[in-house]
């Protein structure tokens, strides 16, 4: 059986997922694509899936009888609308992060899916599919470092564009850590604080960069995450988990060690898509396989909601400078509540 997929949104990540489905993964084909820029949609379709349908909008694509599952990679503000529409049509949907731009809209999706009675949604948090994070979680689960006490982490981008704003350090950047640490620790957050150190002269005037996010979990684990989106030197993800018996650190991606001109060096990536390319492949293949088996395995709508609630608290903390509480509604039984 070949899963017939429709893609809403043909920007960089949308195009990359279309390429994956048509060239790198097995068991799926793209049968329809659309975008707010229809010319762009036709261009991407012509490159990877010539002759597929290009409906006028996302709702029309979801309604197509030949579309069995949907991938949403449009602008974040449209995600809730399309995911809810897919649920209404009883179709599986893979939604890139964020599930929605507000916790309120995430909760609407959670409630719609719970009312349907089984999972139809997978959220595009790819880090749990990364081999490094999986190895780190395995060590934690085996008790190799004893009970976890602290996490020290950093998320650094070489630079960001003019449309990037300070709150996006949370909603677009930290959102990955907010999800992967919940998954890695099996624990929820209870509070957040944001501290702004001296600003980098390389950051645009309207951005406060870097920033440090301090999180606390229900078990009392303390997490500090440095968000630095104009670090200049590359794309760099760090994570050190400190336990009672030792420390476990996220491995760096493989790189050739170069000895030249009396210096030893290794290359640092600059593109986030390359850093996690294998994780994206495994994640989307898991979605395809999950739809076929009628049992999704990846991040749930509830995970998307939890990340959004925590992100909202972090944004409040940016504004107030205070420790902000993180409160969530009761988890529906569909998600193990």
C-alpha atoms as a PDB file:
ATOM      1  CA  UNK A   1       0.000   0.000   0.000  1.00  0.00           C
ATOM      2  CA  UNK A   2       1.285   3.441  -0.950  1.00  0.00           C
ATOM      3  CA  UNK A   3       0.073   6.235   1.322  1.00  0.00           C
ATOM      4  CA  UNK A   4      -1.234   9.186  -0.683  1.00  0.00           C
ATOM      5  CA  UNK A   5      -0.266  12.460   0.969  1.00  0.00           C
ATOM      6  CA  UNK A   6      -1.231  16.088   0.443  1.00  0.00           C
ATOM      7  CA  UNK A   7       1.133  18.866   1.573  1.00  0.00           C
ATOM      8  CA  UNK A   8      -0.017  22.313   2.715  1.00  0.00           C
ATOM      9  CA  UNK A   9       2.851  24.801   2.608  1.00  0.00           C
ATOM     10  CA  UNK A  10       5.761  24.648   0.152  1.00  0.00           C
ATOM     11  CA  UNK A  11       8.363  26.795   1.904  1.00  0.00           C
ATOM     12  CA  UNK A  12      11.788  25.398   2.826  1.00  0.00           C
ATOM     13  CA  UNK A  13      10.603  22.651   5.195  1.00  0.00           C
ATOM     14  CA  UNK A  14       7.566  21.825   3.056  1.00  0.00           C
ATOM     15  CA  UNK A  15       9.707  21.393  -0.034  1.00  0.00           C
ATOM     16  CA  UNK A  16      12.149  19.258   1.949  1.00  0.00           C
ATOM     17  CA  UNK A  17       9.358  16.959   3.176  1.00  0.00           C
ATOM     18  CA  UNK A  18       8.015  16.625  -0.371  1.00  0.00           C
ATOM     19  CA  UNK A  19      11.516  15.654  -1.517  1.00  0.00           C
ATOM     20  CA  UNK A  20      11.735  13.112   1.326  1.00  0.00           C
ATOM     21  CA  UNK A  21       8.445  11.456   0.470  1.00  0.00           C
ATOM     22  CA  UNK A  22       9.224  11.232  -3.241  1.00  0.00           C
ATOM     23  CA  UNK A  23      12.954  10.465  -3.166  1.00  0.00           C
ATOM     24  CA  UNK A  24      14.190   9.259   0.233  1.00  0.00           C
ATOM     25  CA  UNK A  25      11.405   7.439   2.062  1.00  0.00           C
ATOM     26  CA  UNK A  26       9.311   4.371   1.249  1.00  0.00           C
ATOM     27  CA  UNK A  27       5.595   3.690   1.094  1.00  0.00           C
ATOM     28  CA  UNK A  28       4.286   7.172   0.280  1.00  0.00           C
ATOM     29  CA  UNK A  29       3.690   9.526  -2.617  1.00  0.00           C
ATOM     30  CA  UNK A  30       2.625  13.147  -2.869  1.00  0.00           C
ATOM     31  CA  UNK A  31      -0.669  13.545  -4.726  1.00  0.00           C
ATOM     32  CA  UNK A  32      -1.481  17.205  -4.001  1.00  0.00           C
ATOM     33  CA  UNK A  33       0.289  20.352  -2.805  1.00  0.00           C
ATOM     34  CA  UNK A  34      -0.819  23.891  -2.090  1.00  0.00           C
ATOM     35  CA  UNK A  35       0.521  27.123  -0.667  1.00  0.00           C
ATOM     36  CA  UNK A  36      -0.664  30.685  -0.117  1.00  0.00           C
ATOM     37  CA  UNK A  37       1.659  31.373  -3.093  1.00  0.00           C
ATOM     38  CA  UNK A  38       0.238  29.027  -5.722  1.00  0.00           C
ATOM     39  CA  UNK A  39       3.054  29.756  -8.162  1.00  0.00           C
ATOM     40  CA  UNK A  40       5.506  28.514  -5.538  1.00  0.00           C
ATOM     41  CA  UNK A  41       3.369  25.406  -4.995  1.00  0.00           C
ATOM     42  CA  UNK A  42       3.384  24.663  -8.728  1.00  0.00           C
ATOM     43  CA  UNK A  43       7.147  25.213  -8.888  1.00  0.00           C
ATOM     44  CA  UNK A  44       7.854  22.739  -6.072  1.00  0.00           C
ATOM     45  CA  UNK A  45       5.338  20.240  -7.447  1.00  0.00           C
ATOM     46  CA  UNK A  46       6.996  20.420 -10.860  1.00  0.00           C
ATOM     47  CA  UNK A  47      10.380  19.717  -9.296  1.00  0.00           C
ATOM     48  CA  UNK A  48       9.434  16.632  -7.268  1.00  0.00           C
ATOM     49  CA  UNK A  49       5.933  15.486  -8.244  1.00  0.00           C
ATOM     50  CA  UNK A  50       4.987  16.697 -11.724  1.00  0.00           C
ATOM     51  CA  UNK A  51       1.309  16.518 -12.552  1.00  0.00           C
ATOM     52  CA  UNK A  52      -0.042  16.442  -9.002  1.00  0.00           C
ATOM     53  CA  UNK A  53      -3.072  18.530  -8.110  1.00  0.00           C
ATOM     54  CA  UNK A  54      -2.536  22.078  -6.806  1.00  0.00           C
ATOM     55  CA  UNK A  55      -5.797  23.098  -5.070  1.00  0.00           C
ATOM     56  CA  UNK A  56      -6.503  26.738  -4.275  1.00  0.00           C
ATOM     57  CA  UNK A  57      -6.243  26.317  -0.497  1.00  0.00           C
ATOM     58  CA  UNK A  58      -5.586  23.894   2.337  1.00  0.00           C
ATOM     59  CA  UNK A  59      -9.218  23.079   3.012  1.00  0.00           C
ATOM     60  CA  UNK A  60      -9.726  22.057  -0.622  1.00  0.00           C
ATOM     61  CA  UNK A  61      -6.645  19.845  -0.460  1.00  0.00           C
ATOM     62  CA  UNK A  62      -7.814  18.116   2.728  1.00  0.00           C
ATOM     63  CA  UNK A  63     -11.210  17.422   1.166  1.00  0.00           C
ATOM     64  CA  UNK A  64      -9.736  15.649  -1.890  1.00  0.00           C
ATOM     65  CA  UNK A  65     -10.852  11.986  -1.755  1.00  0.00           C
ATOM     66  CA  UNK A  66      -7.463  10.754  -2.975  1.00  0.00           C
ATOM     67  CA  UNK A  67      -5.618  12.474  -0.093  1.00  0.00           C
ATOM     68  CA  UNK A  68      -5.332   9.888   2.680  1.00  0.00           C
ATOM     69  CA  UNK A  69      -3.034  11.870   4.985  1.00  0.00           C
ATOM     70  CA  UNK A  70      -1.946  15.492   5.265  1.00  0.00           C
ATOM     71  CA  UNK A  71       1.366  17.196   6.005  1.00  0.00           C
ATOM     72  CA  UNK A  72       1.034  20.772   7.305  1.00  0.00           C
ATOM     73  CA  UNK A  73       4.130  22.931   6.790  1.00  0.00           C
ATOM     74  CA  UNK A  74       2.461  26.298   6.268  1.00  0.00           C
ATOM     75  CA  UNK A  75       2.907  29.427   8.402  1.00  0.00           C
ATOM     76  CA  UNK A  76       2.442  28.580  12.093  1.00  0.00           C
ATOM     77  CA  UNK A  77      -0.626  30.782  12.472  1.00  0.00           C
ATOM     78  CA  UNK A  78      -2.538  28.537  10.045  1.00  0.00           C
ATOM     79  CA  UNK A  79      -1.648  25.201  11.668  1.00  0.00           C
ATOM     80  CA  UNK A  80      -4.630  24.921  14.022  1.00  0.00           C
ATOM     81  CA  UNK A  81      -7.089  25.634  11.228  1.00  0.00           C
ATOM     82  CA  UNK A  82      -5.719  22.903   8.972  1.00  0.00           C
ATOM     83  CA  UNK A  83      -5.203  20.311  11.711  1.00  0.00           C
ATOM     84  CA  UNK A  84      -8.781  20.777  12.942  1.00  0.00           C
ATOM     85  CA  UNK A  85     -10.029  20.456   9.375  1.00  0.00           C
ATOM     86  CA  UNK A  86      -8.085  17.217   8.910  1.00  0.00           C
ATOM     87  CA  UNK A  87      -9.588  15.828  12.126  1.00  0.00           C
ATOM     88  CA  UNK A  88     -13.043  16.829  10.883  1.00  0.00           C
ATOM     89  CA  UNK A  89     -12.370  14.791   7.732  1.00  0.00           C
ATOM     90  CA  UNK A  90     -11.004  11.904   9.882  1.00  0.00           C
ATOM     91  CA  UNK A  91      -7.637  12.064   8.134  1.00  0.00           C
ATOM     92  CA  UNK A  92      -4.214  11.596   9.667  1.00  0.00           C
ATOM     93  CA  UNK A  93      -2.151  14.763   9.805  1.00  0.00           C
ATOM     94  CA  UNK A  94       1.528  15.460  10.395  1.00  0.00           C
ATOM     95  CA  UNK A  95       1.875  19.061  11.600  1.00  0.00           C
ATOM     96  CA  UNK A  96       5.259  20.725  11.780  1.00  0.00           C
ATOM     97  CA  UNK A  97       5.944  22.584  14.997  1.00  0.00           C
ATOM     98  CA  UNK A  98       4.279  24.508  16.461  1.00  0.00           C
ATOM     99  CA  UNK A  99       1.005  22.598  16.630  1.00  0.00           C
ATOM    100  CA  UNK A 100      -0.573  26.047  17.014  1.00  0.00           C
ATOM    101  CA  UNK A 101       0.667  29.496  17.959  1.00  0.00           C
ATOM    102  CA  UNK A 102      -1.420  29.639  21.162  1.00  0.00           C
ATOM    103  CA  UNK A 103      -2.053  27.141  23.922  1.00  0.00           C
ATOM    104  CA  UNK A 104      -5.771  27.820  23.493  1.00  0.00           C
ATOM    105  CA  UNK A 105      -5.712  26.596  19.888  1.00  0.00           C
ATOM    106  CA  UNK A 106      -3.568  23.596  20.863  1.00  0.00           C
ATOM    107  CA  UNK A 107      -6.184  22.683  23.446  1.00  0.00           C
ATOM    108  CA  UNK A 108      -8.925  22.880  20.797  1.00  0.00           C
ATOM    109  CA  UNK A 109      -6.990  20.315  18.770  1.00  0.00           C
ATOM    110  CA  UNK A 110      -6.482  18.091  21.839  1.00  0.00           C
ATOM    111  CA  UNK A 111     -10.204  18.237  22.590  1.00  0.00           C
ATOM    112  CA  UNK A 112     -11.226  17.549  18.973  1.00  0.00           C
ATOM    113  CA  UNK A 113      -8.919  14.538  18.754  1.00  0.00           C
ATOM    114  CA  UNK A 114     -10.025  13.239  22.165  1.00  0.00           C
ATOM    115  CA  UNK A 115     -13.661  13.584  21.095  1.00  0.00           C
ATOM    116  CA  UNK A 116     -12.880  11.541  17.971  1.00  0.00           C
ATOM    117  CA  UNK A 117     -11.504   8.844  20.257  1.00  0.00           C
ATOM    118  CA  UNK A 118      -8.125   7.997  18.743  1.00  0.00           C
ATOM    119  CA  UNK A 119      -4.963   9.656  17.557  1.00  0.00           C
ATOM    120  CA  UNK A 120      -4.916  11.323  14.158  1.00  0.00           C
ATOM    121  CA  UNK A 121      -2.210  13.946  14.792  1.00  0.00           C
ATOM    122  CA  UNK A 122       1.579  13.766  14.950  1.00  0.00           C
ATOM    123  CA  UNK A 123       3.515  16.942  15.762  1.00  0.00           C
ATOM    124  CA  UNK A 124       6.817  17.606  13.984  1.00  0.00           C
ATOM    125  CA  UNK A 125       9.180  17.568  16.941  1.00  0.00           C
ATOM    126  CA  UNK A 126      12.083  15.685  15.400  1.00  0.00           C
ATOM    127  CA  UNK A 127      14.682  15.661  18.183  1.00  0.00           C
ATOM    128  CA  UNK A 128      13.345  12.503  19.862  1.00  0.00           C
ATOM    129  CA  UNK A 129      14.250  10.789  16.563  1.00  0.00           C
ATOM    130  CA  UNK A 130      17.868  12.019  16.694  1.00  0.00           C
ATOM    131  CA  UNK A 131      20.324   9.229  17.542  1.00  0.00           C
ATOM    132  CA  UNK A 132      22.205  11.431  20.023  1.00  0.00           C
ATOM    133  CA  UNK A 133      19.118  12.331  22.042  1.00  0.00           C
ATOM    134  CA  UNK A 134      17.930   8.710  21.934  1.00  0.00           C
ATOM    135  CA  UNK A 135      21.278   7.549  23.337  1.00  0.00           C
ATOM    136  CA  UNK A 136      21.106  10.223  26.035  1.00  0.00           C
ATOM    137  CA  UNK A 137      17.581   9.171  27.055  1.00  0.00           C
ATOM    138  CA  UNK A 138      18.636   5.515  27.130  1.00  0.00           C
ATOM    139  CA  UNK A 139      21.415   6.302  29.627  1.00  0.00           C
ATOM    140  CA  UNK A 140      18.981   8.269  31.796  1.00  0.00           C
ATOM    141  CA  UNK A 141      16.344   5.516  31.694  1.00  0.00           C
ATOM    142  CA  UNK A 142      18.931   2.875  32.651  1.00  0.00           C
ATOM    143  CA  UNK A 143      19.982   4.929  35.677  1.00  0.00           C
ATOM    144  CA  UNK A 144      23.583   5.207  34.486  1.00  0.00           C
ATOM    145  CA  UNK A 145      23.973   8.659  36.062  1.00  0.00           C
ATOM    146  CA  UNK A 146      21.496   8.114  38.891  1.00  0.00           C
ATOM    147  CA  UNK A 147      18.627  10.522  39.451  1.00  0.00           C
ATOM    148  CA  UNK A 148      18.809  13.564  37.195  1.00  0.00           C
ATOM    149  CA  UNK A 149      19.471  16.824  39.040  1.00  0.00           C
ATOM    150  CA  UNK A 150      20.203  19.411  36.347  1.00  0.00           C
ATOM    151  CA  UNK A 151      20.447  20.020  32.603  1.00  0.00           C
ATOM    152  CA  UNK A 152      22.746  22.610  31.032  1.00  0.00           C
ATOM    153  CA  UNK A 153      21.908  23.274  27.385  1.00  0.00           C
ATOM    154  CA  UNK A 154      22.496  25.718  24.555  1.00  0.00           C
ATOM    155  CA  UNK A 155      20.752  26.386  21.242  1.00  0.00           C
ATOM    156  CA  UNK A 156      22.887  28.577  18.988  1.00  0.00           C
ATOM    157  CA  UNK A 157      22.175  29.773  15.462  1.00  0.00           C
ATOM    158  CA  UNK A 158      24.746  31.466  13.276  1.00  0.00           C
ATOM    159  CA  UNK A 159      22.397  34.356  12.558  1.00  0.00           C
ATOM    160  CA  UNK A 160      18.708  35.116  11.982  1.00  0.00           C
ATOM    161  CA  UNK A 161      16.793  37.336   9.581  1.00  0.00           C
ATOM    162  CA  UNK A 162      15.275  40.777  10.077  1.00  0.00           C
ATOM    163  CA  UNK A 163      11.796  39.341  10.753  1.00  0.00           C
ATOM    164  CA  UNK A 164      13.044  37.455  13.820  1.00  0.00           C
ATOM    165  CA  UNK A 165      11.836  38.933  17.123  1.00  0.00           C
ATOM    166  CA  UNK A 166      12.859  38.383  20.735  1.00  0.00           C
ATOM    167  CA  UNK A 167       9.818  36.233  21.562  1.00  0.00           C
ATOM    168  CA  UNK A 168      10.706  33.928  18.654  1.00  0.00           C
ATOM    169  CA  UNK A 169      13.714  32.864  20.709  1.00  0.00           C
ATOM    170  CA  UNK A 170      11.060  30.972  22.671  1.00  0.00           C
ATOM    171  CA  UNK A 171       8.324  30.140  20.150  1.00  0.00           C
ATOM    172  CA  UNK A 172      10.579  29.181  17.218  1.00  0.00           C
ATOM    173  CA  UNK A 173      13.873  28.199  18.850  1.00  0.00           C
ATOM    174  CA  UNK A 174      13.490  27.033  22.467  1.00  0.00           C
ATOM    175  CA  UNK A 175      10.287  25.165  21.544  1.00  0.00           C
ATOM    176  CA  UNK A 176      12.451  22.188  20.498  1.00  0.00           C
ATOM    177  CA  UNK A 177      14.114  22.007  23.927  1.00  0.00           C
ATOM    178  CA  UNK A 178      10.764  22.422  25.663  1.00  0.00           C
ATOM    179  CA  UNK A 179       9.547  19.280  23.901  1.00  0.00           C
ATOM    180  CA  UNK A 180      12.660  17.117  23.951  1.00  0.00           C
ATOM    181  CA  UNK A 181      13.393  17.618  27.667  1.00  0.00           C
ATOM    182  CA  UNK A 182       9.834  16.576  28.639  1.00  0.00           C
ATOM    183  CA  UNK A 183      10.307  13.461  26.508  1.00  0.00           C
ATOM    184  CA  UNK A 184      13.808  12.762  27.804  1.00  0.00           C
ATOM    185  CA  UNK A 185      12.934  13.185  31.486  1.00  0.00           C
ATOM    186  CA  UNK A 186       9.320  11.987  31.515  1.00  0.00           C
ATOM    187  CA  UNK A 187       8.548  15.079  33.559  1.00  0.00           C
ATOM    188  CA  UNK A 188       6.506  18.282  33.201  1.00  0.00           C
ATOM    189  CA  UNK A 189       7.499  21.888  33.858  1.00  0.00           C
ATOM    190  CA  UNK A 190       6.163  23.952  36.750  1.00  0.00           C
ATOM    191  CA  UNK A 191       7.919  27.311  36.278  1.00  0.00           C
ATOM    192  CA  UNK A 192      10.003  29.405  33.887  1.00  0.00           C
ATOM    193  CA  UNK A 193      12.222  32.469  34.129  1.00  0.00           C
ATOM    194  CA  UNK A 194      14.124  34.368  31.426  1.00  0.00           C
ATOM    195  CA  UNK A 195      17.318  36.336  32.023  1.00  0.00           C
ATOM    196  CA  UNK A 196      18.912  38.658  29.475  1.00  0.00           C
ATOM    197  CA  UNK A 197      22.706  38.949  29.699  1.00  0.00           C
ATOM    198  CA  UNK A 198      24.668  41.626  27.858  1.00  0.00           C
ATOM    199  CA  UNK A 199      23.355  41.880  24.282  1.00  0.00           C
ATOM    200  CA  UNK A 200      25.526  40.909  21.354  1.00  0.00           C
ATOM    201  CA  UNK A 201      26.543  43.747  19.040  1.00  0.00           C
ATOM    202  CA  UNK A 202      25.876  41.307  16.176  1.00  0.00           C
ATOM    203  CA  UNK A 203      22.153  41.199  16.974  1.00  0.00           C
ATOM    204  CA  UNK A 204      19.798  43.648  15.267  1.00  0.00           C
ATOM    205  CA  UNK A 205      18.597  46.513  17.431  1.00  0.00           C
ATOM    206  CA  UNK A 206      15.070  45.122  17.840  1.00  0.00           C
ATOM    207  CA  UNK A 207      16.282  41.742  19.209  1.00  0.00           C
ATOM    208  CA  UNK A 208      17.491  40.964  22.721  1.00  0.00           C
ATOM    209  CA  UNK A 209      20.077  38.254  22.132  1.00  0.00           C
ATOM    210  CA  UNK A 210      21.309  36.100  23.820  1.00  0.00           C
ATOM    211  CA  UNK A 211      18.855  35.050  26.522  1.00  0.00           C
ATOM    212  CA  UNK A 212      18.935  32.381  29.225  1.00  0.00           C
ATOM    213  CA  UNK A 213      15.838  30.363  30.110  1.00  0.00           C
ATOM    214  CA  UNK A 214      15.564  28.734  33.531  1.00  0.00           C
ATOM    215  CA  UNK A 215      13.037  25.908  33.941  1.00  0.00           C
ATOM    216  CA  UNK A 216      11.930  23.787  36.880  1.00  0.00           C
ATOM    217  CA  UNK A 217      10.156  20.436  36.602  1.00  0.00           C
ATOM    218  CA  UNK A 218       7.702  18.701  38.931  1.00  0.00           C
ATOM    219  CA  UNK A 219      10.524  16.462  40.213  1.00  0.00           C
ATOM    220  CA  UNK A 220      12.626  19.527  41.032  1.00  0.00           C
ATOM    221  CA  UNK A 221      15.055  19.166  38.132  1.00  0.00           C
ATOM    222  CA  UNK A 222      16.579  22.525  37.181  1.00  0.00           C
ATOM    223  CA  UNK A 223      17.272  23.310  33.521  1.00  0.00           C
ATOM    224  CA  UNK A 224      19.144  26.252  32.040  1.00  0.00           C
ATOM    225  CA  UNK A 225      19.089  26.843  28.284  1.00  0.00           C
ATOM    226  CA  UNK A 226      21.138  29.489  26.512  1.00  0.00           C
ATOM    227  CA  UNK A 227      19.390  30.808  23.412  1.00  0.00           C
ATOM    228  CA  UNK A 228      21.872  32.657  21.180  1.00  0.00           C
ATOM    229  CA  UNK A 229      20.627  33.153  17.636  1.00  0.00           C
ATOM    230  CA  UNK A 230      23.417  35.400  16.311  1.00  0.00           C
ATOM    231  CA  UNK A 231      26.456  33.513  17.582  1.00  0.00           C
ATOM    232  CA  UNK A 232      28.202  33.962  14.168  1.00  0.00           C
ATOM    233  CA  UNK A 233      30.285  30.779  14.203  1.00  0.00           C
ATOM    234  CA  UNK A 234      27.678  28.116  13.300  1.00  0.00           C
ATOM    235  CA  UNK A 235      24.647  26.058  14.318  1.00  0.00           C
ATOM    236  CA  UNK A 236      25.461  24.440  17.649  1.00  0.00           C
ATOM    237  CA  UNK A 237      23.246  22.337  19.931  1.00  0.00           C
ATOM    238  CA  UNK A 238      24.536  21.367  23.379  1.00  0.00           C
ATOM    239  CA  UNK A 239      22.990  19.364  26.202  1.00  0.00           C
ATOM    240  CA  UNK A 240      24.649  18.071  29.380  1.00  0.00           C
ATOM    241  CA  UNK A 241      22.543  16.072  31.859  1.00  0.00           C
ATOM    242  CA  UNK A 242      23.922  16.026  35.406  1.00  0.00           C
ATOM    243  CA  UNK A 243      22.910  13.185  37.689  1.00  0.00           C
ATOM    244  CA  UNK A 244      23.801  11.964  41.160  1.00  0.00           C
ATOM    245  CA  UNK A 245      26.469   9.626  39.756  1.00  0.00           C
ATOM    246  CA  UNK A 246      27.816  11.467  36.731  1.00  0.00           C
ATOM    247  CA  UNK A 247      27.158  13.541  33.643  1.00  0.00           C
ATOM    248  CA  UNK A 248      25.936  12.509  30.185  1.00  0.00           C
ATOM    249  CA  UNK A 249      26.354  14.854  27.220  1.00  0.00           C
ATOM    250  CA  UNK A 250      24.766  14.983  23.790  1.00  0.00           C
ATOM    251  CA  UNK A 251      27.353  13.816  21.235  1.00  0.00           C
ATOM    252  CA  UNK A 252      28.469  16.243  18.560  1.00  0.00           C
ATOM    253  CA  UNK A 253      27.578  15.316  14.965  1.00  0.00           C
ATOM    254  CA  UNK A 254      30.353  13.434  13.144  1.00  0.00           C
ATOM    255  CA  UNK A 255      32.937  15.699  11.511  1.00  0.00           C
ATOM    256  CA  UNK A 256      36.288  15.145   9.836  1.00  0.00           C
ATOM    257  CA  UNK A 257      39.224  16.087  12.031  1.00  0.00           C
ATOM    258  CA  UNK A 258      41.624  18.274  10.054  1.00  0.00           C
ATOM    259  CA  UNK A 259      45.318  18.732  10.856  1.00  0.00           C
ATOM    260  CA  UNK A 260      46.770  21.534   8.781  1.00  0.00           C
ATOM    261  CA  UNK A 261      49.106  24.518   9.165  1.00  0.00           C
ATOM    262  CA  UNK A 262      50.008  23.622  12.741  1.00  0.00           C
ATOM    263  CA  UNK A 263      46.341  23.576  13.772  1.00  0.00           C
ATOM    264  CA  UNK A 264      43.734  20.913  14.633  1.00  0.00           C
ATOM    265  CA  UNK A 265      40.157  21.690  13.598  1.00  0.00           C
ATOM    266  CA  UNK A 266      36.726  20.181  12.934  1.00  0.00           C
ATOM    267  CA  UNK A 267      34.007  21.785  10.843  1.00  0.00           C
ATOM    268  CA  UNK A 268      30.879  23.163  12.559  1.00  0.00           C
ATOM    269  CA  UNK A 269      27.555  23.007  10.699  1.00  0.00           C
ATOM    270  CA  UNK A 270      25.671  26.191   9.855  1.00  0.00           C
ATOM    271  CA  UNK A 271      22.378  24.693   8.593  1.00  0.00           C
ATOM    272  CA  UNK A 272      19.816  23.273  11.057  1.00  0.00           C
ATOM    273  CA  UNK A 273      18.303  21.124   8.302  1.00  0.00           C
ATOM    274  CA  UNK A 274      21.647  19.352   7.828  1.00  0.00           C
ATOM    275  CA  UNK A 275      22.230  18.927  11.587  1.00  0.00           C
ATOM    276  CA  UNK A 276      18.994  16.966  12.013  1.00  0.00           C
ATOM    277  CA  UNK A 277      18.501  15.622   8.468  1.00  0.00           C
ATOM    278  CA  UNK A 278      18.551  11.970   9.582  1.00  0.00           C
ATOM    279  CA  UNK A 279      16.081  12.689  12.396  1.00  0.00           C
ATOM    280  CA  UNK A 280      13.686  14.321   9.920  1.00  0.00           C
ATOM    281  CA  UNK A 281      13.925  11.247   7.670  1.00  0.00           C
ATOM    282  CA  UNK A 282      13.241   8.796  10.512  1.00  0.00           C
ATOM    283  CA  UNK A 283      10.431  10.964  11.900  1.00  0.00           C
ATOM    284  CA  UNK A 284       8.490  11.225   8.646  1.00  0.00           C
ATOM    285  CA  UNK A 285       9.013   7.534   7.823  1.00  0.00           C
ATOM    286  CA  UNK A 286       7.608   6.737  11.276  1.00  0.00           C
ATOM    287  CA  UNK A 287       4.537   8.840  10.486  1.00  0.00           C
ATOM    288  CA  UNK A 288       4.025   7.011   7.175  1.00  0.00           C
ATOM    289  CA  UNK A 289       4.410   3.630   8.874  1.00  0.00           C
ATOM    290  CA  UNK A 290       2.166   4.717  11.748  1.00  0.00           C
ATOM    291  CA  UNK A 291      -0.656   5.745   9.419  1.00  0.00           C
ATOM    292  CA  UNK A 292      -0.449   2.428   7.619  1.00  0.00           C
ATOM    293  CA  UNK A 293      -0.532   0.548  10.939  1.00  0.00           C
ATOM    294  CA  UNK A 294      -3.336   2.814  12.210  1.00  0.00           C
ATOM    295  CA  UNK A 295      -1.169   3.641  15.248  1.00  0.00           C
ATOM    296  CA  UNK A 296       0.949   6.808  15.434  1.00  0.00           C
ATOM    297  CA  UNK A 297       4.092   6.809  17.594  1.00  0.00           C
ATOM    298  CA  UNK A 298       5.503  10.359  17.414  1.00  0.00           C
ATOM    299  CA  UNK A 299       4.788  13.510  19.398  1.00  0.00           C
ATOM    300  CA  UNK A 300       1.095  13.861  20.249  1.00  0.00           C
ATOM    301  CA  UNK A 301      -1.279  16.802  20.232  1.00  0.00           C
ATOM    302  CA  UNK A 302      -0.886  16.766  24.018  1.00  0.00           C
ATOM    303  CA  UNK A 303       2.881  17.159  23.602  1.00  0.00           C
ATOM    304  CA  UNK A 304       2.214  20.106  21.312  1.00  0.00           C
ATOM    305  CA  UNK A 305      -0.101  21.637  23.906  1.00  0.00           C
ATOM    306  CA  UNK A 306       2.414  21.163  26.743  1.00  0.00           C
ATOM    307  CA  UNK A 307       5.181  22.805  24.722  1.00  0.00           C
ATOM    308  CA  UNK A 308       2.884  25.718  23.894  1.00  0.00           C
ATOM    309  CA  UNK A 309       1.836  26.262  27.531  1.00  0.00           C
ATOM    310  CA  UNK A 310       5.495  26.290  28.597  1.00  0.00           C
ATOM    311  CA  UNK A 311       6.386  28.644  25.734  1.00  0.00           C
ATOM    312  CA  UNK A 312       3.624  31.053  26.759  1.00  0.00           C
ATOM    313  CA  UNK A 313       5.046  31.134  30.292  1.00  0.00           C
ATOM    314  CA  UNK A 314       8.541  31.802  28.949  1.00  0.00           C
ATOM    315  CA  UNK A 315       7.277  34.711  26.828  1.00  0.00           C
ATOM    316  CA  UNK A 316       5.533  36.139  29.898  1.00  0.00           C
ATOM    317  CA  UNK A 317       8.796  35.757  31.796  1.00  0.00           C
ATOM    318  CA  UNK A 318      10.608  37.703  29.065  1.00  0.00           C
ATOM    319  CA  UNK A 319       8.227  40.586  29.673  1.00  0.00           C
ATOM    320  CA  UNK A 320       8.004  40.498  33.480  1.00  0.00           C
ATOM    321  CA  UNK A 321      11.476  39.344  34.461  1.00  0.00           C
ATOM    322  CA  UNK A 322       9.765  37.195  37.092  1.00  0.00           C
ATOM    323  CA  UNK A 323       9.414  33.458  37.679  1.00  0.00           C
ATOM    324  CA  UNK A 324       6.201  32.460  35.894  1.00  0.00           C
ATOM    325  CA  UNK A 325       4.113  29.415  36.795  1.00  0.00           C
ATOM    326  CA  UNK A 326       3.331  26.767  34.184  1.00  0.00           C
ATOM    327  CA  UNK A 327      -0.156  25.336  34.678  1.00  0.00           C
ATOM    328  CA  UNK A 328      -1.822  22.815  32.380  1.00  0.00           C
ATOM    329  CA  UNK A 329      -5.301  21.379  32.134  1.00  0.00           C
ATOM    330  CA  UNK A 330      -5.946  17.727  33.006  1.00  0.00           C
ATOM    331  CA  UNK A 331      -4.542  15.315  30.445  1.00  0.00           C
ATOM    332  CA  UNK A 332      -7.242  13.396  28.500  1.00  0.00           C
ATOM    333  CA  UNK A 333      -7.127   9.606  28.801  1.00  0.00           C
ATOM    334  CA  UNK A 334      -6.357   9.332  25.057  1.00  0.00           C
ATOM    335  CA  UNK A 335      -2.830  10.528  25.878  1.00  0.00           C
ATOM    336  CA  UNK A 336      -2.347   8.353  28.951  1.00  0.00           C
ATOM    337  CA  UNK A 337      -4.042  10.710  31.438  1.00  0.00           C
END
